Amino acid sequence: MARGNRSGKGWFQSGQSGNPRGRPKTDFDLAEQAREHAAEAIATLIDVMRTSPKGAERIQAALALLDRGFGRPPASLEVGHKLKGISPSFVVSIFKKEPPTGDKI
């Protein structure tokens, strides 16, 4: 298969774009298509959640409905270990990538 802008090494020549005209324009809008079928998709998820013999499918459908209805929960990290002798300003300096002050490390 011939490649128009490629040199013998398989790379594009300097200053040449692999797609000079850009992405082709289309009338297809995926988000619009998805919104048009949202009610049917939700009904299908509800049906799977209620009637599927497989527990994993029911759980996935329920989670998909909850994610769309309430949004995904924010990601968080709890650190439950207390470090003795480390000042809060030292920990902050690590995250800000600043040199620590004269506080105890």
N, C-alpha and C. Protein backbone atom coordinates (compact mmCIF):
# COMPACT_ATOMS: atom_id res chain seq x y z
N MET A 1 0.84 -1.18 0.00
CA MET A 1 0.00 0.00 0.00
C MET A 1 0.89 1.24 0.00
N ALA A 2 0.68 2.13 -0.94
CA ALA A 2 1.52 3.32 -1.10
C ALA A 2 1.15 4.37 -0.06
N ARG A 3 2.16 5.00 0.47
CA ARG A 3 1.98 6.09 1.42
C ARG A 3 2.52 7.34 0.78
N GLY A 4 1.65 8.32 0.52
CA GLY A 4 2.01 9.49 -0.26
C GLY A 4 3.17 10.31 0.25
N ASN A 5 3.23 10.65 1.54
CA ASN A 5 4.24 11.56 2.04
C ASN A 5 5.43 10.86 2.67
N ARG A 6 5.50 9.57 2.60
CA ARG A 6 6.56 8.87 3.31
C ARG A 6 7.83 8.78 2.47
N SER A 7 8.94 8.91 3.17
CA SER A 7 10.22 8.72 2.50
C SER A 7 10.53 7.23 2.50
N GLY A 8 11.66 6.84 1.95
CA GLY A 8 12.05 5.44 1.91
C GLY A 8 12.24 4.84 3.29
N LYS A 9 12.44 5.66 4.32
CA LYS A 9 12.66 5.16 5.67
C LYS A 9 11.34 4.92 6.41
N GLY A 10 10.24 5.27 5.80
CA GLY A 10 8.96 5.06 6.46
C GLY A 10 8.48 6.21 7.31
N TRP A 11 9.24 7.30 7.35
CA TRP A 11 8.84 8.46 8.13
C TRP A 11 8.33 9.55 7.20
N PHE A 12 7.55 10.45 7.75
CA PHE A 12 7.10 11.59 6.96
C PHE A 12 8.28 12.52 6.74
N GLN A 13 8.32 13.13 5.61
CA GLN A 13 9.40 14.07 5.30
C GLN A 13 9.26 15.29 6.20
N SER A 14 10.38 15.90 6.48
CA SER A 14 10.39 17.06 7.34
C SER A 14 9.46 18.14 6.78
N GLY A 15 8.60 18.68 7.61
CA GLY A 15 7.68 19.73 7.20
C GLY A 15 6.41 19.23 6.55
N GLN A 16 6.26 17.92 6.39
CA GLN A 16 5.07 17.35 5.75
C GLN A 16 4.14 16.76 6.81
N SER A 17 2.87 17.01 6.71
CA SER A 17 1.89 16.45 7.61
C SER A 17 1.37 15.13 7.06
N GLY A 18 1.05 14.22 7.94
CA GLY A 18 0.45 12.96 7.51
C GLY A 18 -1.01 13.13 7.12
N ASN A 19 -1.60 14.24 7.52
CA ASN A 19 -2.99 14.50 7.21
C ASN A 19 -3.14 16.00 6.91
N PRO A 20 -2.70 16.44 5.73
CA PRO A 20 -2.62 17.88 5.46
C PRO A 20 -3.96 18.61 5.46
N ARG A 21 -5.03 17.94 5.14
CA ARG A 21 -6.34 18.61 5.12
C ARG A 21 -7.07 18.51 6.44
N GLY A 22 -6.50 17.82 7.41
CA GLY A 22 -7.13 17.68 8.72
C GLY A 22 -8.18 16.58 8.71
N ARG A 23 -8.84 16.45 9.82
CA ARG A 23 -9.87 15.42 9.96
C ARG A 23 -11.07 15.78 9.11
N PRO A 24 -11.62 14.81 8.39
CA PRO A 24 -12.78 15.12 7.55
C PRO A 24 -13.99 15.52 8.37
N LYS A 25 -14.72 16.48 7.89
CA LYS A 25 -15.92 16.95 8.57
C LYS A 25 -17.08 16.01 8.26
N THR A 26 -17.84 15.69 9.30
CA THR A 26 -19.00 14.82 9.12
C THR A 26 -20.19 15.43 9.83
N ASP A 27 -21.35 14.96 9.48
CA ASP A 27 -22.56 15.40 10.15
C ASP A 27 -22.89 14.53 11.36
N PHE A 28 -22.09 13.49 11.59
CA PHE A 28 -22.35 12.55 12.66
C PHE A 28 -21.86 13.10 13.99
N ASP A 29 -22.76 13.19 14.96
CA ASP A 29 -22.42 13.66 16.31
C ASP A 29 -22.73 12.53 17.29
N LEU A 30 -21.69 11.90 17.80
CA LEU A 30 -21.85 10.73 18.67
C LEU A 30 -22.63 11.08 19.93
N ALA A 31 -22.33 12.22 20.54
CA ALA A 31 -23.02 12.60 21.77
C ALA A 31 -24.51 12.80 21.51
N GLU A 32 -24.85 13.40 20.39
CA GLU A 32 -26.26 13.61 20.04
C GLU A 32 -26.97 12.27 19.83
N GLN A 33 -26.29 11.35 19.13
CA GLN A 33 -26.87 10.02 18.91
C GLN A 33 -27.09 9.31 20.24
N ALA A 34 -26.14 9.42 21.15
CA ALA A 34 -26.26 8.77 22.46
C ALA A 34 -27.43 9.36 23.25
N ARG A 35 -27.59 10.67 23.20
CA ARG A 35 -28.71 11.30 23.92
C ARG A 35 -30.05 10.86 23.37
N GLU A 36 -30.13 10.65 22.07
CA GLU A 36 -31.39 10.21 21.47
C GLU A 36 -31.80 8.83 21.97
N HIS A 37 -30.82 8.00 22.32
CA HIS A 37 -31.12 6.63 22.76
C HIS A 37 -30.97 6.45 24.27
N ALA A 38 -30.86 7.54 25.00
CA ALA A 38 -30.61 7.45 26.44
C ALA A 38 -31.75 6.75 27.17
N ALA A 39 -32.99 7.08 26.86
CA ALA A 39 -34.12 6.47 27.56
C ALA A 39 -34.15 4.96 27.34
N GLU A 40 -33.92 4.53 26.12
CA GLU A 40 -33.89 3.09 25.81
C GLU A 40 -32.72 2.41 26.52
N ALA A 41 -31.57 3.08 26.55
CA ALA A 41 -30.39 2.50 27.20
C ALA A 41 -30.64 2.34 28.70
N ILE A 42 -31.25 3.34 29.31
CA ILE A 42 -31.54 3.24 30.74
C ILE A 42 -32.56 2.15 31.01
N ALA A 43 -33.57 2.04 30.15
CA ALA A 43 -34.55 0.97 30.30
C ALA A 43 -33.89 -0.40 30.18
N THR A 44 -32.92 -0.53 29.28
CA THR A 44 -32.20 -1.80 29.13
C THR A 44 -31.38 -2.09 30.37
N LEU A 45 -30.71 -1.08 30.91
CA LEU A 45 -29.94 -1.28 32.14
C LEU A 45 -30.84 -1.72 33.29
N ILE A 46 -32.01 -1.10 33.39
CA ILE A 46 -32.96 -1.48 34.44
C ILE A 46 -33.41 -2.92 34.26
N ASP A 47 -33.69 -3.29 33.01
CA ASP A 47 -34.13 -4.66 32.73
C ASP A 47 -33.03 -5.66 33.10
N VAL A 48 -31.79 -5.39 32.71
CA VAL A 48 -30.68 -6.27 33.04
C VAL A 48 -30.50 -6.35 34.55
N MET A 49 -30.58 -5.21 35.22
CA MET A 49 -30.41 -5.17 36.67
C MET A 49 -31.46 -6.04 37.37
N ARG A 50 -32.66 -6.05 36.86
CA ARG A 50 -33.76 -6.78 37.51
C ARG A 50 -33.87 -8.24 37.09
N THR A 51 -33.47 -8.58 35.87
CA THR A 51 -33.80 -9.91 35.36
C THR A 51 -32.61 -10.79 35.00
N SER A 52 -31.41 -10.28 34.95
CA SER A 52 -30.27 -11.09 34.52
C SER A 52 -29.99 -12.20 35.54
N PRO A 53 -29.76 -13.43 35.05
CA PRO A 53 -29.42 -14.50 35.98
C PRO A 53 -28.00 -14.38 36.53
N LYS A 54 -27.17 -13.57 35.89
CA LYS A 54 -25.78 -13.41 36.33
C LYS A 54 -25.66 -12.21 37.27
N GLY A 55 -25.15 -12.46 38.44
CA GLY A 55 -25.01 -11.40 39.43
C GLY A 55 -24.10 -10.28 38.98
N ALA A 56 -23.03 -10.64 38.26
CA ALA A 56 -22.09 -9.61 37.81
C ALA A 56 -22.75 -8.63 36.84
N GLU A 57 -23.60 -9.14 35.98
CA GLU A 57 -24.31 -8.26 35.03
C GLU A 57 -25.27 -7.34 35.78
N ARG A 58 -25.95 -7.87 36.79
CA ARG A 58 -26.88 -7.04 37.57
C ARG A 58 -26.13 -5.93 38.30
N ILE A 59 -24.98 -6.28 38.86
CA ILE A 59 -24.18 -5.28 39.58
C ILE A 59 -23.67 -4.21 38.63
N GLN A 60 -23.15 -4.61 37.46
CA GLN A 60 -22.65 -3.64 36.49
C GLN A 60 -23.76 -2.69 36.03
N ALA A 61 -24.95 -3.25 35.79
CA ALA A 61 -26.07 -2.41 35.36
C ALA A 61 -26.47 -1.43 36.46
N ALA A 62 -26.51 -1.91 37.69
CA ALA A 62 -26.87 -1.04 38.81
C ALA A 62 -25.83 0.07 38.98
N LEU A 63 -24.54 -0.29 38.88
CA LEU A 63 -23.49 0.72 39.01
C LEU A 63 -23.56 1.75 37.88
N ALA A 64 -23.86 1.29 36.67
CA ALA A 64 -23.97 2.22 35.54
C ALA A 64 -25.11 3.21 35.78
N LEU A 65 -26.23 2.71 36.29
CA LEU A 65 -27.36 3.60 36.58
C LEU A 65 -27.00 4.60 37.68
N LEU A 66 -26.37 4.13 38.73
CA LEU A 66 -25.98 5.03 39.82
C LEU A 66 -24.98 6.08 39.35
N ASP A 67 -24.00 5.65 38.54
CA ASP A 67 -23.01 6.61 38.03
C ASP A 67 -23.67 7.70 37.20
N ARG A 68 -24.64 7.33 36.40
CA ARG A 68 -25.31 8.32 35.54
C ARG A 68 -26.29 9.19 36.33
N GLY A 69 -26.88 8.61 37.36
CA GLY A 69 -27.85 9.37 38.15
C GLY A 69 -27.23 10.30 39.17
N PHE A 70 -26.12 9.85 39.78
CA PHE A 70 -25.54 10.62 40.87
C PHE A 70 -24.09 11.02 40.62
N GLY A 71 -23.51 10.54 39.53
CA GLY A 71 -22.11 10.83 39.25
C GLY A 71 -21.22 9.85 40.00
N ARG A 72 -20.03 9.70 39.52
CA ARG A 72 -19.09 8.80 40.18
C ARG A 72 -18.59 9.44 41.46
N PRO A 73 -18.32 8.63 42.47
CA PRO A 73 -17.80 9.21 43.71
C PRO A 73 -16.39 9.75 43.48
N PRO A 74 -16.03 10.82 44.18
CA PRO A 74 -14.70 11.37 44.00
C PRO A 74 -13.65 10.40 44.52
N ALA A 75 -12.54 10.34 43.85
CA ALA A 75 -11.44 9.50 44.30
C ALA A 75 -10.78 10.16 45.51
N SER A 76 -10.53 9.37 46.53
CA SER A 76 -9.89 9.93 47.72
C SER A 76 -8.90 8.91 48.27
N LEU A 77 -8.01 9.41 49.08
CA LEU A 77 -7.01 8.57 49.70
C LEU A 77 -6.89 8.98 51.15
N GLU A 78 -7.07 8.02 52.03
CA GLU A 78 -6.91 8.30 53.45
C GLU A 78 -5.62 7.67 53.93
N VAL A 79 -4.86 8.46 54.64
CA VAL A 79 -3.63 7.95 55.22
C VAL A 79 -3.86 7.87 56.72
N GLY A 80 -3.82 6.67 57.23
CA GLY A 80 -4.14 6.48 58.63
C GLY A 80 -2.93 6.33 59.53
N HIS A 81 -1.73 6.43 58.98
CA HIS A 81 -0.53 6.26 59.77
C HIS A 81 0.02 7.62 60.18
N LYS A 82 0.32 7.75 61.46
CA LYS A 82 0.90 9.00 61.94
C LYS A 82 2.41 8.85 62.01
N LEU A 83 3.09 9.80 61.43
CA LEU A 83 4.54 9.77 61.43
C LEU A 83 5.04 10.69 62.54
N LYS A 84 5.84 10.14 63.44
CA LYS A 84 6.37 10.94 64.54
C LYS A 84 7.57 11.75 64.07
N GLY A 85 7.63 12.98 64.50
CA GLY A 85 8.78 13.81 64.22
C GLY A 85 8.75 14.52 62.88
N ILE A 86 7.69 14.37 62.10
CA ILE A 86 7.60 15.06 60.82
C ILE A 86 6.59 16.19 60.95
N SER A 87 7.02 17.38 60.64
CA SER A 87 6.15 18.54 60.77
C SER A 87 5.21 18.64 59.58
N PRO A 88 4.02 19.21 59.80
CA PRO A 88 3.08 19.39 58.68
C PRO A 88 3.67 20.24 57.56
N SER A 89 4.50 21.24 57.89
CA SER A 89 5.07 22.09 56.85
C SER A 89 6.04 21.30 55.97
N PHE A 90 6.71 20.27 56.53
CA PHE A 90 7.60 19.44 55.73
C PHE A 90 6.79 18.63 54.72
N VAL A 91 5.67 18.07 55.17
CA VAL A 91 4.81 17.29 54.27
C VAL A 91 4.27 18.18 53.16
N VAL A 92 3.84 19.39 53.49
CA VAL A 92 3.33 20.33 52.49
C VAL A 92 4.43 20.67 51.49
N SER A 93 5.66 20.85 51.98
CA SER A 93 6.76 21.20 51.07
C SER A 93 7.04 20.08 50.08
N ILE A 94 6.82 18.84 50.49
CA ILE A 94 7.02 17.71 49.57
C ILE A 94 6.03 17.80 48.42
N PHE A 95 4.76 18.07 48.73
CA PHE A 95 3.74 18.13 47.69
C PHE A 95 3.88 19.36 46.82
N LYS A 96 4.39 20.44 47.38
CA LYS A 96 4.59 21.65 46.60
C LYS A 96 5.94 21.66 45.91
N LYS A 97 6.75 20.64 46.18
CA LYS A 97 8.10 20.51 45.61
C LYS A 97 8.96 21.72 45.94
N GLU A 98 8.85 22.17 47.18
CA GLU A 98 9.68 23.27 47.67
C GLU A 98 10.71 22.70 48.64
N PRO A 99 11.84 23.38 48.79
CA PRO A 99 12.79 22.90 49.79
C PRO A 99 12.18 23.09 51.18
N PRO A 100 12.40 22.13 52.09
CA PRO A 100 11.81 22.26 53.42
C PRO A 100 12.42 23.43 54.18
N THR A 101 11.63 23.97 55.09
CA THR A 101 12.13 25.07 55.93
C THR A 101 12.95 24.45 57.05
N GLY A 102 13.31 25.24 58.04
CA GLY A 102 14.14 24.78 59.14
C GLY A 102 13.43 23.83 60.08
N ASP A 103 12.18 23.45 59.79
CA ASP A 103 11.45 22.54 60.67
C ASP A 103 12.12 21.19 60.73
N LYS A 104 11.79 20.49 61.77
CA LYS A 104 12.29 19.13 61.94
C LYS A 104 11.78 18.23 60.83
N ILE A 105 12.63 17.38 60.33
CA ILE A 105 12.20 16.43 59.29
C ILE A 105 11.61 15.26 59.90
